[in-house]
């Protein structure tokens, strides 16, 4: 069975999707982009692909599309494909408003087409291993989760750093804990240009597991960081996506509370033990994700990251917009007494 898949947008992520899909057996790829220079580049790198400047012209010849255009265009492009009865994989975020994301999920259900959210890290073997460790109870009760996704550059023109980078971390954390955060607090700052925030800190509260999670995202950092730390009562685990051979490390370290009547005694003692790095067989997550999308198209299987999953993440992102405009609390300085 041959699947004809169009990739809408030949930018950073779109070019990666074209590379991966072109390598899959039984997949014919088209590239749709309004910029003719990008189409020339696509044909140069992948001579077998078909090219079109407009989605409407390509739709009659497609079975599915991958929407990798800027986030502000995700909803309109996806809805156009859904109404044509074509399956859709949408890069994160699914949409830029809750209303748009809800409409996409609703129309996909009505038309009986596959709608899949491109939460690539949920197809990452290291994240699967980290979840296995969390679910096993090896870490003990989870106290908190901390993530950092930092880099220098790749400023976006139609969304802030939270909408650009945090979908990954919201997706990972909620996957690890099996729940979506109930509340969020945000500090965000636009340091360059000031149109959109380029550095932000998020705090998310998960009610069922009684866990807090903290996420730092930035387009303005001298280091590239992709890290998830899960702190448990017994052990702690760190997932470093940039590590070549030790993506997961489990630390047999922790803190025990001491009971003492001595007011000057240290209230805790520290435990130190082995550091173990379990083997994780690497397979490019985008290949795993896109192969799963093709499988869903062929079999009618429900995606592991369906549109509803993308909608959940959009709801969290929308909540960060509201949280970011809450007024700050002034710090009252004590009055000086006259000398």
C-alpha atoms as a PDB file:
ATOM      1  CA  UNK A   1       0.000   0.000   0.000  1.00  0.00           C
ATOM      2  CA  UNK A   2       1.373   3.399  -1.028  1.00  0.00           C
ATOM      3  CA  UNK A   3       0.704   6.441   1.138  1.00  0.00           C
ATOM      4  CA  UNK A   4       0.903   9.862  -0.501  1.00  0.00           C
ATOM      5  CA  UNK A   5       1.932  12.331   2.188  1.00  0.00           C
ATOM      6  CA  UNK A   6       2.407  16.067   1.781  1.00  0.00           C
ATOM      7  CA  UNK A   7       4.679  18.055   4.084  1.00  0.00           C
ATOM      8  CA  UNK A   8       3.396  21.604   4.448  1.00  0.00           C
ATOM      9  CA  UNK A   9       6.307  23.916   5.192  1.00  0.00           C
ATOM     10  CA  UNK A  10       9.900  23.103   4.211  1.00  0.00           C
ATOM     11  CA  UNK A  11      11.607  24.822   7.138  1.00  0.00           C
ATOM     12  CA  UNK A  12      13.577  23.423  10.083  1.00  0.00           C
ATOM     13  CA  UNK A  13      11.128  20.646  11.019  1.00  0.00           C
ATOM     14  CA  UNK A  14       9.520  20.242   7.615  1.00  0.00           C
ATOM     15  CA  UNK A  15      12.841  19.357   5.976  1.00  0.00           C
ATOM     16  CA  UNK A  16      13.404  16.693   8.657  1.00  0.00           C
ATOM     17  CA  UNK A  17       9.974  15.177   8.022  1.00  0.00           C
ATOM     18  CA  UNK A  18      10.678  15.071   4.277  1.00  0.00           C
ATOM     19  CA  UNK A  19      13.967  13.248   4.915  1.00  0.00           C
ATOM     20  CA  UNK A  20      12.341  10.692   7.242  1.00  0.00           C
ATOM     21  CA  UNK A  21       9.188  10.084   5.184  1.00  0.00           C
ATOM     22  CA  UNK A  22      11.214   9.714   1.982  1.00  0.00           C
ATOM     23  CA  UNK A  23      13.126   6.868   3.629  1.00  0.00           C
ATOM     24  CA  UNK A  24       9.981   4.898   4.557  1.00  0.00           C
ATOM     25  CA  UNK A  25       8.863   2.127   2.212  1.00  0.00           C
ATOM     26  CA  UNK A  26       5.627   2.730   0.362  1.00  0.00           C
ATOM     27  CA  UNK A  27       5.527   6.488   1.008  1.00  0.00           C
ATOM     28  CA  UNK A  28       5.445   9.098  -1.761  1.00  0.00           C
ATOM     29  CA  UNK A  29       6.276  12.594  -0.508  1.00  0.00           C
ATOM     30  CA  UNK A  30       5.127  15.988  -1.721  1.00  0.00           C
ATOM     31  CA  UNK A  31       6.470  19.301  -0.429  1.00  0.00           C
ATOM     32  CA  UNK A  32       4.081  22.252  -0.159  1.00  0.00           C
ATOM     33  CA  UNK A  33       5.576  25.661   0.482  1.00  0.00           C
ATOM     34  CA  UNK A  34       4.674  29.130  -0.790  1.00  0.00           C
ATOM     35  CA  UNK A  35       8.358  30.034  -1.068  1.00  0.00           C
ATOM     36  CA  UNK A  36       9.650  28.843  -4.478  1.00  0.00           C
ATOM     37  CA  UNK A  37      13.264  28.913  -3.251  1.00  0.00           C
ATOM     38  CA  UNK A  38      12.410  26.314  -0.623  1.00  0.00           C
ATOM     39  CA  UNK A  39      10.803  24.112  -3.251  1.00  0.00           C
ATOM     40  CA  UNK A  40      13.953  24.326  -5.367  1.00  0.00           C
ATOM     41  CA  UNK A  41      16.000  23.323  -2.314  1.00  0.00           C
ATOM     42  CA  UNK A  42      13.644  20.433  -1.556  1.00  0.00           C
ATOM     43  CA  UNK A  43      13.975  19.081  -5.110  1.00  0.00           C
ATOM     44  CA  UNK A  44      17.748  19.486  -4.994  1.00  0.00           C
ATOM     45  CA  UNK A  45      18.057  17.439  -1.784  1.00  0.00           C
ATOM     46  CA  UNK A  46      15.237  15.003  -2.578  1.00  0.00           C
ATOM     47  CA  UNK A  47      14.853  14.726  -6.374  1.00  0.00           C
ATOM     48  CA  UNK A  48      11.942  12.269  -6.114  1.00  0.00           C
ATOM     49  CA  UNK A  49       9.581  14.567  -4.192  1.00  0.00           C
ATOM     50  CA  UNK A  50       6.699  16.378  -5.814  1.00  0.00           C
ATOM     51  CA  UNK A  51       6.305  20.095  -5.146  1.00  0.00           C
ATOM     52  CA  UNK A  52       3.383  22.507  -4.905  1.00  0.00           C
ATOM     53  CA  UNK A  53       3.092  26.084  -3.691  1.00  0.00           C
ATOM     54  CA  UNK A  54      -0.462  25.757  -2.397  1.00  0.00           C
ATOM     55  CA  UNK A  55      -2.087  23.071  -0.242  1.00  0.00           C
ATOM     56  CA  UNK A  56      -5.382  23.154  -2.141  1.00  0.00           C
ATOM     57  CA  UNK A  57      -3.670  22.182  -5.387  1.00  0.00           C
ATOM     58  CA  UNK A  58      -1.958  19.222  -3.735  1.00  0.00           C
ATOM     59  CA  UNK A  59      -4.838  17.849  -1.618  1.00  0.00           C
ATOM     60  CA  UNK A  60      -6.633  15.819  -4.352  1.00  0.00           C
ATOM     61  CA  UNK A  61      -3.476  13.716  -4.759  1.00  0.00           C
ATOM     62  CA  UNK A  62      -2.746  13.193  -1.029  1.00  0.00           C
ATOM     63  CA  UNK A  63      -3.728  10.651   1.617  1.00  0.00           C
ATOM     64  CA  UNK A  64      -2.293  12.669   4.517  1.00  0.00           C
ATOM     65  CA  UNK A  65      -0.355  15.815   5.375  1.00  0.00           C
ATOM     66  CA  UNK A  66       2.270  16.770   7.917  1.00  0.00           C
ATOM     67  CA  UNK A  67       1.754  20.375   8.989  1.00  0.00           C
ATOM     68  CA  UNK A  68       5.173  21.877   9.742  1.00  0.00           C
ATOM     69  CA  UNK A  69       4.327  25.517   8.970  1.00  0.00           C
ATOM     70  CA  UNK A  70       4.611  28.300  11.604  1.00  0.00           C
ATOM     71  CA  UNK A  71       2.268  27.662  14.577  1.00  0.00           C
ATOM     72  CA  UNK A  72      -0.173  30.424  13.659  1.00  0.00           C
ATOM     73  CA  UNK A  73      -1.052  28.556  10.447  1.00  0.00           C
ATOM     74  CA  UNK A  74      -1.485  25.100  12.010  1.00  0.00           C
ATOM     75  CA  UNK A  75      -5.227  25.302  12.564  1.00  0.00           C
ATOM     76  CA  UNK A  76      -6.272  26.656   9.146  1.00  0.00           C
ATOM     77  CA  UNK A  77      -4.051  24.240   7.220  1.00  0.00           C
ATOM     78  CA  UNK A  78      -5.124  21.246   9.318  1.00  0.00           C
ATOM     79  CA  UNK A  79      -8.820  22.033   9.046  1.00  0.00           C
ATOM     80  CA  UNK A  80      -8.503  22.342   5.288  1.00  0.00           C
ATOM     81  CA  UNK A  81      -6.960  18.886   5.107  1.00  0.00           C
ATOM     82  CA  UNK A  82      -9.452  17.390   7.576  1.00  0.00           C
ATOM     83  CA  UNK A  83     -12.405  18.698   5.583  1.00  0.00           C
ATOM     84  CA  UNK A  84     -10.906  17.002   2.516  1.00  0.00           C
ATOM     85  CA  UNK A  85     -10.855  13.700   4.408  1.00  0.00           C
ATOM     86  CA  UNK A  86      -7.079  13.664   4.695  1.00  0.00           C
ATOM     87  CA  UNK A  87      -5.194  12.496   7.813  1.00  0.00           C
ATOM     88  CA  UNK A  88      -3.069  15.084   9.591  1.00  0.00           C
ATOM     89  CA  UNK A  89       0.071  15.055  11.725  1.00  0.00           C
ATOM     90  CA  UNK A  90       0.615  18.502  13.247  1.00  0.00           C
ATOM     91  CA  UNK A  91       3.913  19.720  14.633  1.00  0.00           C
ATOM     92  CA  UNK A  92       3.761  21.174  18.142  1.00  0.00           C
ATOM     93  CA  UNK A  93       1.843  23.111  19.242  1.00  0.00           C
ATOM     94  CA  UNK A  94      -1.350  21.668  17.759  1.00  0.00           C
ATOM     95  CA  UNK A  95      -2.818  25.193  17.497  1.00  0.00           C
ATOM     96  CA  UNK A  96      -2.302  28.616  19.045  1.00  0.00           C
ATOM     97  CA  UNK A  97      -5.699  28.837  20.780  1.00  0.00           C
ATOM     98  CA  UNK A  98      -7.803  26.369  22.720  1.00  0.00           C
ATOM     99  CA  UNK A  99     -10.820  27.104  20.500  1.00  0.00           C
ATOM    100  CA  UNK A 100      -8.872  26.231  17.343  1.00  0.00           C
ATOM    101  CA  UNK A 101      -7.495  23.028  18.862  1.00  0.00           C
ATOM    102  CA  UNK A 102     -10.964  21.971  20.021  1.00  0.00           C
ATOM    103  CA  UNK A 103     -12.354  22.594  16.541  1.00  0.00           C
ATOM    104  CA  UNK A 104      -9.614  20.498  14.956  1.00  0.00           C
ATOM    105  CA  UNK A 105     -10.331  17.566  17.286  1.00  0.00           C
ATOM    106  CA  UNK A 106     -14.085  17.909  16.716  1.00  0.00           C
ATOM    107  CA  UNK A 107     -13.842  18.066  12.907  1.00  0.00           C
ATOM    108  CA  UNK A 108     -11.396  15.152  12.746  1.00  0.00           C
ATOM    109  CA  UNK A 109     -13.852  13.008  14.704  1.00  0.00           C
ATOM    110  CA  UNK A 110     -16.764  14.093  12.517  1.00  0.00           C
ATOM    111  CA  UNK A 111     -14.876  13.305   9.324  1.00  0.00           C
ATOM    112  CA  UNK A 112     -13.365  10.074  10.623  1.00  0.00           C
ATOM    113  CA  UNK A 113      -9.781  11.075   9.856  1.00  0.00           C
ATOM    114  CA  UNK A 114      -6.573  10.601  11.813  1.00  0.00           C
ATOM    115  CA  UNK A 115      -5.398  13.667  13.742  1.00  0.00           C
ATOM    116  CA  UNK A 116      -2.040  13.220  15.441  1.00  0.00           C
ATOM    117  CA  UNK A 117       0.002  15.637  17.567  1.00  0.00           C
ATOM    118  CA  UNK A 118       3.722  15.778  16.815  1.00  0.00           C
ATOM    119  CA  UNK A 119       4.957  15.290  20.386  1.00  0.00           C
ATOM    120  CA  UNK A 120       8.245  13.806  19.250  1.00  0.00           C
ATOM    121  CA  UNK A 121       9.672  13.133  22.714  1.00  0.00           C
ATOM    122  CA  UNK A 122       6.867  10.690  23.460  1.00  0.00           C
ATOM    123  CA  UNK A 123       8.468   8.545  20.755  1.00  0.00           C
ATOM    124  CA  UNK A 124      11.937   8.781  22.314  1.00  0.00           C
ATOM    125  CA  UNK A 125      13.391   5.546  23.712  1.00  0.00           C
ATOM    126  CA  UNK A 126      15.154   7.437  26.529  1.00  0.00           C
ATOM    127  CA  UNK A 127      11.852   8.983  27.640  1.00  0.00           C
ATOM    128  CA  UNK A 128      10.256   5.528  27.517  1.00  0.00           C
ATOM    129  CA  UNK A 129      13.064   4.216  29.744  1.00  0.00           C
ATOM    130  CA  UNK A 130      12.655   7.126  32.154  1.00  0.00           C
ATOM    131  CA  UNK A 131       8.926   6.400  32.433  1.00  0.00           C
ATOM    132  CA  UNK A 132       9.680   2.728  33.027  1.00  0.00           C
ATOM    133  CA  UNK A 133      11.960   3.742  35.910  1.00  0.00           C
ATOM    134  CA  UNK A 134       9.352   6.119  37.371  1.00  0.00           C
ATOM    135  CA  UNK A 135       6.552   3.541  37.085  1.00  0.00           C
ATOM    136  CA  UNK A 136       8.685   0.808  38.648  1.00  0.00           C
ATOM    137  CA  UNK A 137       8.839   2.718  41.937  1.00  0.00           C
ATOM    138  CA  UNK A 138      12.639   2.570  41.941  1.00  0.00           C
ATOM    139  CA  UNK A 139      12.849   6.318  42.647  1.00  0.00           C
ATOM    140  CA  UNK A 140      10.236   6.152  45.391  1.00  0.00           C
ATOM    141  CA  UNK A 141       7.565   8.808  45.697  1.00  0.00           C
ATOM    142  CA  UNK A 142       8.242  11.567  43.157  1.00  0.00           C
ATOM    143  CA  UNK A 143       8.946  14.855  44.910  1.00  0.00           C
ATOM    144  CA  UNK A 144       9.368  17.132  41.895  1.00  0.00           C
ATOM    145  CA  UNK A 145      10.419  17.267  38.249  1.00  0.00           C
ATOM    146  CA  UNK A 146      12.744  19.893  36.787  1.00  0.00           C
ATOM    147  CA  UNK A 147      13.407  20.476  33.085  1.00  0.00           C
ATOM    148  CA  UNK A 148      15.578  22.833  31.062  1.00  0.00           C
ATOM    149  CA  UNK A 149      15.391  23.478  27.308  1.00  0.00           C
ATOM    150  CA  UNK A 150      17.859  26.223  26.445  1.00  0.00           C
ATOM    151  CA  UNK A 151      19.714  27.412  23.367  1.00  0.00           C
ATOM    152  CA  UNK A 152      20.990  30.506  21.617  1.00  0.00           C
ATOM    153  CA  UNK A 153      18.909  31.578  18.660  1.00  0.00           C
ATOM    154  CA  UNK A 154      16.059  30.169  16.552  1.00  0.00           C
ATOM    155  CA  UNK A 155      13.795  33.051  17.534  1.00  0.00           C
ATOM    156  CA  UNK A 156      10.249  32.566  16.248  1.00  0.00           C
ATOM    157  CA  UNK A 157       8.229  35.262  14.507  1.00  0.00           C
ATOM    158  CA  UNK A 158       4.733  34.312  15.657  1.00  0.00           C
ATOM    159  CA  UNK A 159       4.979  32.893  19.183  1.00  0.00           C
ATOM    160  CA  UNK A 160       6.894  33.289  22.420  1.00  0.00           C
ATOM    161  CA  UNK A 161       9.513  30.928  23.825  1.00  0.00           C
ATOM    162  CA  UNK A 162       6.939  29.086  25.961  1.00  0.00           C
ATOM    163  CA  UNK A 163       4.746  28.156  22.988  1.00  0.00           C
ATOM    164  CA  UNK A 164       7.851  27.241  20.973  1.00  0.00           C
ATOM    165  CA  UNK A 165       9.834  25.121  23.450  1.00  0.00           C
ATOM    166  CA  UNK A 166       7.665  24.245  26.448  1.00  0.00           C
ATOM    167  CA  UNK A 167       5.280  21.900  24.551  1.00  0.00           C
ATOM    168  CA  UNK A 168       8.090  19.349  24.600  1.00  0.00           C
ATOM    169  CA  UNK A 169       8.533  19.542  28.364  1.00  0.00           C
ATOM    170  CA  UNK A 170       4.813  19.690  29.164  1.00  0.00           C
ATOM    171  CA  UNK A 171       4.406  16.614  26.983  1.00  0.00           C
ATOM    172  CA  UNK A 172       7.301  14.743  28.627  1.00  0.00           C
ATOM    173  CA  UNK A 173       6.305  15.563  32.211  1.00  0.00           C
ATOM    174  CA  UNK A 174       2.628  14.739  31.721  1.00  0.00           C
ATOM    175  CA  UNK A 175       3.638  11.489  29.995  1.00  0.00           C
ATOM    176  CA  UNK A 176       5.872  10.533  32.930  1.00  0.00           C
ATOM    177  CA  UNK A 177       3.199  11.347  35.530  1.00  0.00           C
ATOM    178  CA  UNK A 178       0.171  10.163  33.534  1.00  0.00           C
ATOM    179  CA  UNK A 179      -1.686  13.430  34.073  1.00  0.00           C
ATOM    180  CA  UNK A 180      -2.005  16.976  32.806  1.00  0.00           C
ATOM    181  CA  UNK A 181      -1.103  19.844  35.171  1.00  0.00           C
ATOM    182  CA  UNK A 182      -4.000  21.443  36.993  1.00  0.00           C
ATOM    183  CA  UNK A 183      -2.387  24.837  37.624  1.00  0.00           C
ATOM    184  CA  UNK A 184       0.534  26.837  36.337  1.00  0.00           C
ATOM    185  CA  UNK A 185       2.519  29.913  37.328  1.00  0.00           C
ATOM    186  CA  UNK A 186       4.854  31.765  34.981  1.00  0.00           C
ATOM    187  CA  UNK A 187       7.696  34.235  34.942  1.00  0.00           C
ATOM    188  CA  UNK A 188       8.556  35.369  31.419  1.00  0.00           C
ATOM    189  CA  UNK A 189      10.716  38.148  30.009  1.00  0.00           C
ATOM    190  CA  UNK A 190      11.399  39.587  26.564  1.00  0.00           C
ATOM    191  CA  UNK A 191      15.063  40.563  26.586  1.00  0.00           C
ATOM    192  CA  UNK A 192      15.618  41.008  22.833  1.00  0.00           C
ATOM    193  CA  UNK A 193      13.077  42.804  20.687  1.00  0.00           C
ATOM    194  CA  UNK A 194      10.506  42.587  23.527  1.00  0.00           C
ATOM    195  CA  UNK A 195       7.714  41.532  21.182  1.00  0.00           C
ATOM    196  CA  UNK A 196       7.743  38.030  22.626  1.00  0.00           C
ATOM    197  CA  UNK A 197       9.313  36.636  25.780  1.00  0.00           C
ATOM    198  CA  UNK A 198      12.544  34.788  25.028  1.00  0.00           C
ATOM    199  CA  UNK A 199      13.232  33.393  28.499  1.00  0.00           C
ATOM    200  CA  UNK A 200      10.685  31.909  30.887  1.00  0.00           C
ATOM    201  CA  UNK A 201      10.214  29.762  33.968  1.00  0.00           C
ATOM    202  CA  UNK A 202       7.067  27.692  34.473  1.00  0.00           C
ATOM    203  CA  UNK A 203       5.760  26.022  37.588  1.00  0.00           C
ATOM    204  CA  UNK A 204       3.137  23.328  37.077  1.00  0.00           C
ATOM    205  CA  UNK A 205       1.078  21.584  39.746  1.00  0.00           C
ATOM    206  CA  UNK A 206      -0.140  18.012  39.273  1.00  0.00           C
ATOM    207  CA  UNK A 207      -2.961  17.327  41.698  1.00  0.00           C
ATOM    208  CA  UNK A 208      -3.370  13.542  41.502  1.00  0.00           C
ATOM    209  CA  UNK A 209       0.304  12.782  42.086  1.00  0.00           C
ATOM    210  CA  UNK A 210       0.869  15.825  44.311  1.00  0.00           C
ATOM    211  CA  UNK A 211       3.949  16.718  42.260  1.00  0.00           C
ATOM    212  CA  UNK A 212       5.282  20.130  41.245  1.00  0.00           C
ATOM    213  CA  UNK A 213       7.240  20.521  38.022  1.00  0.00           C
ATOM    214  CA  UNK A 214       9.514  23.376  37.004  1.00  0.00           C
ATOM    215  CA  UNK A 215      10.477  24.197  33.421  1.00  0.00           C
ATOM    216  CA  UNK A 216      13.104  26.672  32.210  1.00  0.00           C
ATOM    217  CA  UNK A 217      13.006  27.585  28.512  1.00  0.00           C
ATOM    218  CA  UNK A 218      15.164  30.114  26.700  1.00  0.00           C
ATOM    219  CA  UNK A 219      16.227  31.266  23.260  1.00  0.00           C
ATOM    220  CA  UNK A 220      18.935  33.362  24.914  1.00  0.00           C
ATOM    221  CA  UNK A 221      21.437  31.076  26.618  1.00  0.00           C
ATOM    222  CA  UNK A 222      25.087  30.347  25.788  1.00  0.00           C
ATOM    223  CA  UNK A 223      24.577  26.579  26.212  1.00  0.00           C
ATOM    224  CA  UNK A 224      22.368  24.082  24.464  1.00  0.00           C
ATOM    225  CA  UNK A 225      20.579  22.162  27.224  1.00  0.00           C
ATOM    226  CA  UNK A 226      17.950  19.423  26.938  1.00  0.00           C
ATOM    227  CA  UNK A 227      17.545  17.975  30.429  1.00  0.00           C
ATOM    228  CA  UNK A 228      14.856  16.366  32.582  1.00  0.00           C
ATOM    229  CA  UNK A 229      15.491  15.660  36.279  1.00  0.00           C
ATOM    230  CA  UNK A 230      13.104  13.508  38.302  1.00  0.00           C
ATOM    231  CA  UNK A 231      13.680  13.675  42.057  1.00  0.00           C
ATOM    232  CA  UNK A 232      12.297  10.851  44.164  1.00  0.00           C
ATOM    233  CA  UNK A 233      12.399  10.044  47.852  1.00  0.00           C
ATOM    234  CA  UNK A 234      14.797   7.131  47.314  1.00  0.00           C
ATOM    235  CA  UNK A 235      16.648   7.906  44.090  1.00  0.00           C
ATOM    236  CA  UNK A 236      16.926  10.554  41.399  1.00  0.00           C
ATOM    237  CA  UNK A 237      17.112  10.225  37.615  1.00  0.00           C
ATOM    238  CA  UNK A 238      18.444  12.594  34.962  1.00  0.00           C
ATOM    239  CA  UNK A 239      17.668  12.382  31.254  1.00  0.00           C
ATOM    240  CA  UNK A 240      20.162  14.327  29.135  1.00  0.00           C
ATOM    241  CA  UNK A 241      19.075  14.295  25.498  1.00  0.00           C
ATOM    242  CA  UNK A 242      22.447  15.632  24.337  1.00  0.00           C
ATOM    243  CA  UNK A 243      24.482  12.782  25.821  1.00  0.00           C
ATOM    244  CA  UNK A 244      25.896  10.335  23.286  1.00  0.00           C
ATOM    245  CA  UNK A 245      25.947   7.202  25.437  1.00  0.00           C
ATOM    246  CA  UNK A 246      24.467   7.961  28.877  1.00  0.00           C
ATOM    247  CA  UNK A 247      21.135   9.601  28.184  1.00  0.00           C
ATOM    248  CA  UNK A 248      19.679   8.269  31.432  1.00  0.00           C
ATOM    249  CA  UNK A 249      21.490   8.280  34.765  1.00  0.00           C
ATOM    250  CA  UNK A 250      19.953   6.984  37.993  1.00  0.00           C
ATOM    251  CA  UNK A 251      21.546   8.375  41.147  1.00  0.00           C
ATOM    252  CA  UNK A 252      21.256   6.358  44.347  1.00  0.00           C
ATOM    253  CA  UNK A 253      21.398   9.488  46.457  1.00  0.00           C
ATOM    254  CA  UNK A 254      18.951  11.314  48.657  1.00  0.00           C
ATOM    255  CA  UNK A 255      18.131  13.020  51.898  1.00  0.00           C
ATOM    256  CA  UNK A 256      16.669  11.543  55.094  1.00  0.00           C
ATOM    257  CA  UNK A 257      14.883  13.665  57.687  1.00  0.00           C
ATOM    258  CA  UNK A 258      16.268  13.363  61.217  1.00  0.00           C
ATOM    259  CA  UNK A 259      14.220  13.657  64.338  1.00  0.00           C
ATOM    260  CA  UNK A 260      16.126  15.424  67.070  1.00  0.00           C
ATOM    261  CA  UNK A 261      15.409  17.611  70.074  1.00  0.00           C
ATOM    262  CA  UNK A 262      18.658  19.472  69.437  1.00  0.00           C
ATOM    263  CA  UNK A 263      17.664  22.792  67.858  1.00  0.00           C
ATOM    264  CA  UNK A 264      21.186  23.230  66.465  1.00  0.00           C
ATOM    265  CA  UNK A 265      21.428  19.805  64.836  1.00  0.00           C
ATOM    266  CA  UNK A 266      21.204  19.365  61.073  1.00  0.00           C
ATOM    267  CA  UNK A 267      17.599  18.320  60.298  1.00  0.00           C
ATOM    268  CA  UNK A 268      18.674  15.919  57.519  1.00  0.00           C
ATOM    269  CA  UNK A 269      21.299  13.347  56.652  1.00  0.00           C
ATOM    270  CA  UNK A 270      22.590  12.678  53.149  1.00  0.00           C
ATOM    271  CA  UNK A 271      22.770   9.327  51.358  1.00  0.00           C
ATOM    272  CA  UNK A 272      25.215   8.644  48.538  1.00  0.00           C
ATOM    273  CA  UNK A 273      25.493   5.533  46.423  1.00  0.00           C
ATOM    274  CA  UNK A 274      26.008   4.255  42.903  1.00  0.00           C
ATOM    275  CA  UNK A 275      25.259   6.045  39.667  1.00  0.00           C
ATOM    276  CA  UNK A 276      23.791   3.669  37.076  1.00  0.00           C
ATOM    277  CA  UNK A 277      23.253   4.374  33.380  1.00  0.00           C
ATOM    278  CA  UNK A 278      20.820   1.843  31.861  1.00  0.00           C
ATOM    279  CA  UNK A 279      21.310   0.901  28.236  1.00  0.00           C
ATOM    280  CA  UNK A 280      18.978   2.679  25.822  1.00  0.00           C
ATOM    281  CA  UNK A 281      18.985   1.567  22.193  1.00  0.00           C
ATOM    282  CA  UNK A 282      18.724   4.747  20.162  1.00  0.00           C
ATOM    283  CA  UNK A 283      16.392   5.161  17.218  1.00  0.00           C
ATOM    284  CA  UNK A 284      15.649   8.613  15.850  1.00  0.00           C
ATOM    285  CA  UNK A 285      12.385   9.676  17.561  1.00  0.00           C
ATOM    286  CA  UNK A 286      11.136  11.462  14.446  1.00  0.00           C
ATOM    287  CA  UNK A 287      11.492   8.231  12.480  1.00  0.00           C
ATOM    288  CA  UNK A 288       9.568   6.344  15.171  1.00  0.00           C
ATOM    289  CA  UNK A 289       6.869   9.029  15.222  1.00  0.00           C
ATOM    290  CA  UNK A 290       6.427   9.322  11.450  1.00  0.00           C
ATOM    291  CA  UNK A 291       6.454   5.531  11.032  1.00  0.00           C
ATOM    292  CA  UNK A 292       3.694   5.339  13.657  1.00  0.00           C
ATOM    293  CA  UNK A 293       1.699   7.960  11.731  1.00  0.00           C
ATOM    294  CA  UNK A 294       1.965   5.899   8.545  1.00  0.00           C
ATOM    295  CA  UNK A 295       0.894   2.784  10.471  1.00  0.00           C
ATOM    296  CA  UNK A 296      -2.156   4.634  11.841  1.00  0.00           C
ATOM    297  CA  UNK A 297      -3.103   5.740   8.318  1.00  0.00           C
ATOM    298  CA  UNK A 298      -2.880   2.185   7.012  1.00  0.00           C
ATOM    299  CA  UNK A 299      -4.568   0.345   9.879  1.00  0.00           C
ATOM    300  CA  UNK A 300      -6.962   2.925  11.336  1.00  0.00           C
ATOM    301  CA  UNK A 301      -5.183   2.626  14.682  1.00  0.00           C
ATOM    302  CA  UNK A 302      -5.608   5.514  17.114  1.00  0.00           C
ATOM    303  CA  UNK A 303      -2.314   7.449  17.440  1.00  0.00           C
ATOM    304  CA  UNK A 304      -0.396   7.273  20.710  1.00  0.00           C
ATOM    305  CA  UNK A 305      -0.466  11.086  20.657  1.00  0.00           C
ATOM    306  CA  UNK A 306      -3.933  11.844  19.245  1.00  0.00           C
ATOM    307  CA  UNK A 307      -5.352  15.302  18.668  1.00  0.00           C
ATOM    308  CA  UNK A 308      -6.844  15.232  22.163  1.00  0.00           C
ATOM    309  CA  UNK A 309      -3.327  14.945  23.574  1.00  0.00           C
ATOM    310  CA  UNK A 310      -2.271  17.997  21.600  1.00  0.00           C
ATOM    311  CA  UNK A 311      -5.372  19.827  22.854  1.00  0.00           C
ATOM    312  CA  UNK A 312      -4.393  19.081  26.466  1.00  0.00           C
ATOM    313  CA  UNK A 313      -0.987  20.670  25.914  1.00  0.00           C
ATOM    314  CA  UNK A 314      -2.527  23.707  24.185  1.00  0.00           C
ATOM    315  CA  UNK A 315      -4.763  24.201  27.234  1.00  0.00           C
ATOM    316  CA  UNK A 316      -1.671  24.306  29.447  1.00  0.00           C
ATOM    317  CA  UNK A 317       0.053  26.752  27.081  1.00  0.00           C
ATOM    318  CA  UNK A 318      -3.029  28.994  27.059  1.00  0.00           C
ATOM    319  CA  UNK A 319      -3.011  28.936  30.863  1.00  0.00           C
ATOM    320  CA  UNK A 320       0.591  30.176  30.817  1.00  0.00           C
ATOM    321  CA  UNK A 321      -0.533  33.197  28.776  1.00  0.00           C
ATOM    322  CA  UNK A 322      -3.065  34.042  31.478  1.00  0.00           C
ATOM    323  CA  UNK A 323      -0.586  33.394  34.281  1.00  0.00           C
ATOM    324  CA  UNK A 324       2.050  35.618  32.659  1.00  0.00           C
ATOM    325  CA  UNK A 325      -0.161  38.722  32.838  1.00  0.00           C
ATOM    326  CA  UNK A 326      -1.012  38.394  36.520  1.00  0.00           C
ATOM    327  CA  UNK A 327       0.156  41.510  38.381  1.00  0.00           C
ATOM    328  CA  UNK A 328       3.365  41.177  40.332  1.00  0.00           C
ATOM    329  CA  UNK A 329       3.256  41.503  44.092  1.00  0.00           C
ATOM    330  CA  UNK A 330       5.176  44.548  45.325  1.00  0.00           C
ATOM    331  CA  UNK A 331       7.889  44.103  47.903  1.00  0.00           C
ATOM    332  CA  UNK A 332       7.222  46.558  50.728  1.00  0.00           C
ATOM    333  CA  UNK A 333      10.343  48.137  52.138  1.00  0.00           C
ATOM    334  CA  UNK A 334      10.476  48.820  55.851  1.00  0.00           C
ATOM    335  CA  UNK A 335      10.306  52.480  56.799  1.00  0.00           C
ATOM    336  CA  UNK A 336      13.493  54.037  58.098  1.00  0.00           C
ATOM    337  CA  UNK A 337      13.217  55.653  61.492  1.00  0.00           C
ATOM    338  CA  UNK A 338      14.723  59.056  62.017  1.00  0.00           C
ATOM    339  CA  UNK A 339      18.126  58.928  63.710  1.00  0.00           C
END
